[in-house]
N, C-alpha and C. Protein backbone atom coordinates (compact mmCIF):
# COMPACT_ATOMS: atom_id res chain seq x y z
N MET A 1 -72.65 -78.64 -43.73
CA MET A 1 -73.50 -77.80 -42.92
C MET A 1 -74.95 -77.99 -43.39
N PHE A 2 -75.81 -78.23 -42.43
CA PHE A 2 -77.22 -78.45 -42.73
C PHE A 2 -78.06 -77.30 -42.19
N THR A 3 -79.17 -77.05 -42.88
CA THR A 3 -80.14 -76.06 -42.44
C THR A 3 -81.51 -76.54 -42.88
N GLN A 4 -82.50 -75.80 -42.52
CA GLN A 4 -83.87 -76.14 -42.88
C GLN A 4 -84.58 -74.87 -43.31
N ILE A 5 -85.36 -74.98 -44.39
CA ILE A 5 -86.19 -73.86 -44.82
C ILE A 5 -87.61 -74.38 -45.02
N ASN A 6 -88.56 -73.49 -45.02
CA ASN A 6 -89.94 -73.87 -45.30
C ASN A 6 -90.17 -73.82 -46.80
N CYS A 7 -90.88 -74.79 -47.30
CA CYS A 7 -91.24 -74.85 -48.71
C CYS A 7 -92.04 -73.60 -49.07
N PRO A 8 -91.68 -72.96 -50.17
CA PRO A 8 -92.43 -71.76 -50.59
C PRO A 8 -93.86 -72.08 -51.03
N ASN A 9 -94.13 -73.36 -51.35
CA ASN A 9 -95.47 -73.74 -51.80
C ASN A 9 -96.39 -74.17 -50.65
N CYS A 10 -95.89 -75.07 -49.79
CA CYS A 10 -96.77 -75.66 -48.78
C CYS A 10 -96.30 -75.42 -47.34
N GLN A 11 -95.16 -74.77 -47.18
CA GLN A 11 -94.61 -74.42 -45.87
C GLN A 11 -94.08 -75.60 -45.06
N GLN A 12 -94.00 -76.78 -45.66
CA GLN A 12 -93.39 -77.92 -44.97
C GLN A 12 -91.89 -77.69 -44.87
N PRO A 13 -91.24 -78.13 -43.78
CA PRO A 13 -89.80 -77.95 -43.66
C PRO A 13 -89.04 -78.83 -44.67
N ILE A 14 -88.00 -78.25 -45.25
CA ILE A 14 -87.12 -78.98 -46.17
C ILE A 14 -85.71 -78.91 -45.60
N ALA A 15 -85.12 -80.08 -45.33
CA ALA A 15 -83.74 -80.14 -44.85
C ALA A 15 -82.80 -79.95 -46.03
N ILE A 16 -81.81 -79.08 -45.86
CA ILE A 16 -80.89 -78.77 -46.95
C ILE A 16 -79.45 -78.87 -46.47
N ASN A 17 -78.63 -79.55 -47.24
CA ASN A 17 -77.19 -79.57 -47.03
C ASN A 17 -76.63 -78.40 -47.84
N VAL A 18 -76.14 -77.37 -47.15
CA VAL A 18 -75.73 -76.13 -47.83
C VAL A 18 -74.60 -76.37 -48.82
N LYS A 19 -73.64 -77.21 -48.48
CA LYS A 19 -72.52 -77.47 -49.40
C LYS A 19 -73.02 -78.15 -50.67
N ARG A 20 -73.97 -79.06 -50.55
CA ARG A 20 -74.54 -79.71 -51.74
C ARG A 20 -75.36 -78.72 -52.55
N LEU A 21 -76.06 -77.81 -51.86
CA LEU A 21 -76.84 -76.79 -52.56
C LEU A 21 -75.93 -75.91 -53.41
N VAL A 22 -74.81 -75.48 -52.83
CA VAL A 22 -73.85 -74.64 -53.56
C VAL A 22 -73.23 -75.42 -54.72
N ALA A 23 -73.07 -76.73 -54.54
CA ALA A 23 -72.49 -77.56 -55.59
C ALA A 23 -73.46 -77.82 -56.75
N GLY A 24 -74.72 -77.39 -56.58
CA GLY A 24 -75.67 -77.53 -57.68
C GLY A 24 -76.78 -78.53 -57.46
N ASP A 25 -76.78 -79.21 -56.31
CA ASP A 25 -77.85 -80.18 -56.03
C ASP A 25 -79.15 -79.45 -55.76
N SER A 26 -80.26 -80.16 -55.95
CA SER A 26 -81.57 -79.61 -55.60
C SER A 26 -82.18 -80.51 -54.53
N PHE A 27 -83.15 -79.97 -53.83
CA PHE A 27 -83.81 -80.69 -52.75
C PHE A 27 -85.31 -80.64 -52.98
N SER A 28 -86.00 -81.72 -52.63
CA SER A 28 -87.44 -81.81 -52.87
C SER A 28 -88.21 -81.73 -51.57
N CYS A 29 -89.35 -81.08 -51.64
CA CYS A 29 -90.27 -81.01 -50.51
C CYS A 29 -91.00 -82.35 -50.41
N LYS A 30 -91.04 -82.89 -49.21
CA LYS A 30 -91.76 -84.16 -49.01
C LYS A 30 -93.27 -83.96 -49.01
N GLY A 31 -93.70 -82.70 -48.80
CA GLY A 31 -95.14 -82.42 -48.76
C GLY A 31 -95.76 -82.26 -50.13
N CYS A 32 -95.09 -81.52 -51.03
CA CYS A 32 -95.70 -81.23 -52.34
C CYS A 32 -94.78 -81.51 -53.53
N SER A 33 -93.58 -82.02 -53.27
CA SER A 33 -92.59 -82.37 -54.30
C SER A 33 -91.98 -81.19 -55.03
N ALA A 34 -92.14 -79.97 -54.49
CA ALA A 34 -91.50 -78.80 -55.09
C ALA A 34 -89.98 -78.97 -55.00
N LYS A 35 -89.27 -78.50 -56.00
CA LYS A 35 -87.81 -78.58 -56.01
C LYS A 35 -87.21 -77.24 -55.59
N ILE A 36 -86.21 -77.31 -54.72
CA ILE A 36 -85.49 -76.14 -54.25
C ILE A 36 -84.06 -76.25 -54.74
N SER A 37 -83.57 -75.20 -55.39
CA SER A 37 -82.17 -75.18 -55.84
C SER A 37 -81.68 -73.74 -55.78
N LEU A 38 -80.40 -73.59 -55.97
CA LEU A 38 -79.77 -72.27 -55.91
C LEU A 38 -79.59 -71.74 -57.32
N ALA A 39 -80.01 -70.51 -57.55
CA ALA A 39 -79.81 -69.88 -58.85
C ALA A 39 -78.31 -69.74 -59.10
N GLY A 40 -77.88 -69.99 -60.30
CA GLY A 40 -76.46 -69.95 -60.65
C GLY A 40 -75.77 -68.66 -60.26
N GLU A 41 -76.43 -67.53 -60.45
CA GLU A 41 -75.81 -66.25 -60.13
C GLU A 41 -75.67 -66.04 -58.62
N SER A 42 -76.35 -66.83 -57.81
CA SER A 42 -76.26 -66.71 -56.35
C SER A 42 -75.16 -67.58 -55.76
N SER A 43 -74.62 -68.48 -56.53
CA SER A 43 -73.65 -69.44 -56.03
C SER A 43 -72.44 -68.78 -55.38
N ASN A 44 -71.85 -67.76 -56.02
CA ASN A 44 -70.67 -67.10 -55.45
C ASN A 44 -70.98 -66.41 -54.13
N VAL A 45 -72.12 -65.75 -54.05
CA VAL A 45 -72.51 -65.05 -52.82
C VAL A 45 -72.69 -66.05 -51.68
N VAL A 46 -73.37 -67.15 -51.95
CA VAL A 46 -73.62 -68.15 -50.91
C VAL A 46 -72.32 -68.84 -50.53
N THR A 47 -71.46 -69.13 -51.48
CA THR A 47 -70.17 -69.75 -51.18
C THR A 47 -69.34 -68.87 -50.26
N LYS A 48 -69.29 -67.58 -50.54
CA LYS A 48 -68.54 -66.65 -49.68
C LYS A 48 -69.14 -66.60 -48.28
N ALA A 49 -70.45 -66.58 -48.19
CA ALA A 49 -71.12 -66.54 -46.88
C ALA A 49 -70.84 -67.80 -46.08
N VAL A 50 -70.89 -68.96 -46.72
CA VAL A 50 -70.62 -70.23 -46.04
C VAL A 50 -69.17 -70.27 -45.57
N ASN A 51 -68.25 -69.86 -46.43
CA ASN A 51 -66.83 -69.85 -46.05
C ASN A 51 -66.59 -68.91 -44.87
N SER A 52 -67.21 -67.74 -44.88
CA SER A 52 -67.06 -66.80 -43.77
C SER A 52 -67.63 -67.38 -42.48
N PHE A 53 -68.77 -68.00 -42.57
CA PHE A 53 -69.39 -68.62 -41.40
C PHE A 53 -68.49 -69.71 -40.83
N GLU A 54 -67.96 -70.57 -41.70
CA GLU A 54 -67.09 -71.66 -41.23
C GLU A 54 -65.82 -71.12 -40.59
N LYS A 55 -65.28 -70.03 -41.11
CA LYS A 55 -64.08 -69.42 -40.55
C LYS A 55 -64.37 -68.88 -39.14
N VAL A 56 -65.50 -68.19 -38.98
CA VAL A 56 -65.88 -67.66 -37.68
C VAL A 56 -66.15 -68.81 -36.70
N ALA A 57 -66.82 -69.84 -37.15
CA ALA A 57 -67.12 -70.99 -36.29
C ALA A 57 -65.85 -71.67 -35.83
N ALA A 58 -64.87 -71.81 -36.72
CA ALA A 58 -63.59 -72.44 -36.37
C ALA A 58 -62.85 -71.59 -35.35
N GLN A 59 -62.88 -70.26 -35.52
CA GLN A 59 -62.20 -69.37 -34.57
C GLN A 59 -62.87 -69.42 -33.20
N ALA A 60 -64.17 -69.58 -33.18
CA ALA A 60 -64.90 -69.62 -31.91
C ALA A 60 -64.56 -70.88 -31.12
N LYS A 61 -64.17 -71.94 -31.79
CA LYS A 61 -63.81 -73.19 -31.12
C LYS A 61 -62.48 -73.10 -30.41
N HIS A 62 -61.65 -72.14 -30.81
CA HIS A 62 -60.30 -72.03 -30.22
C HIS A 62 -60.34 -71.15 -29.06
């Protein structure tokens, strides 16, 4: 699952693969090279949210 956020430093869009973000990867802004990553304590919350979203999306397809 992909999403996009604005860089907190320069507001340029940063494309993010949510599953890779939860797995611990970081993403860099092409405008200012700022690094975006997920805080360790947030990983469980984001994982649950992604799983819930995928479950709802799968049900909507049926």
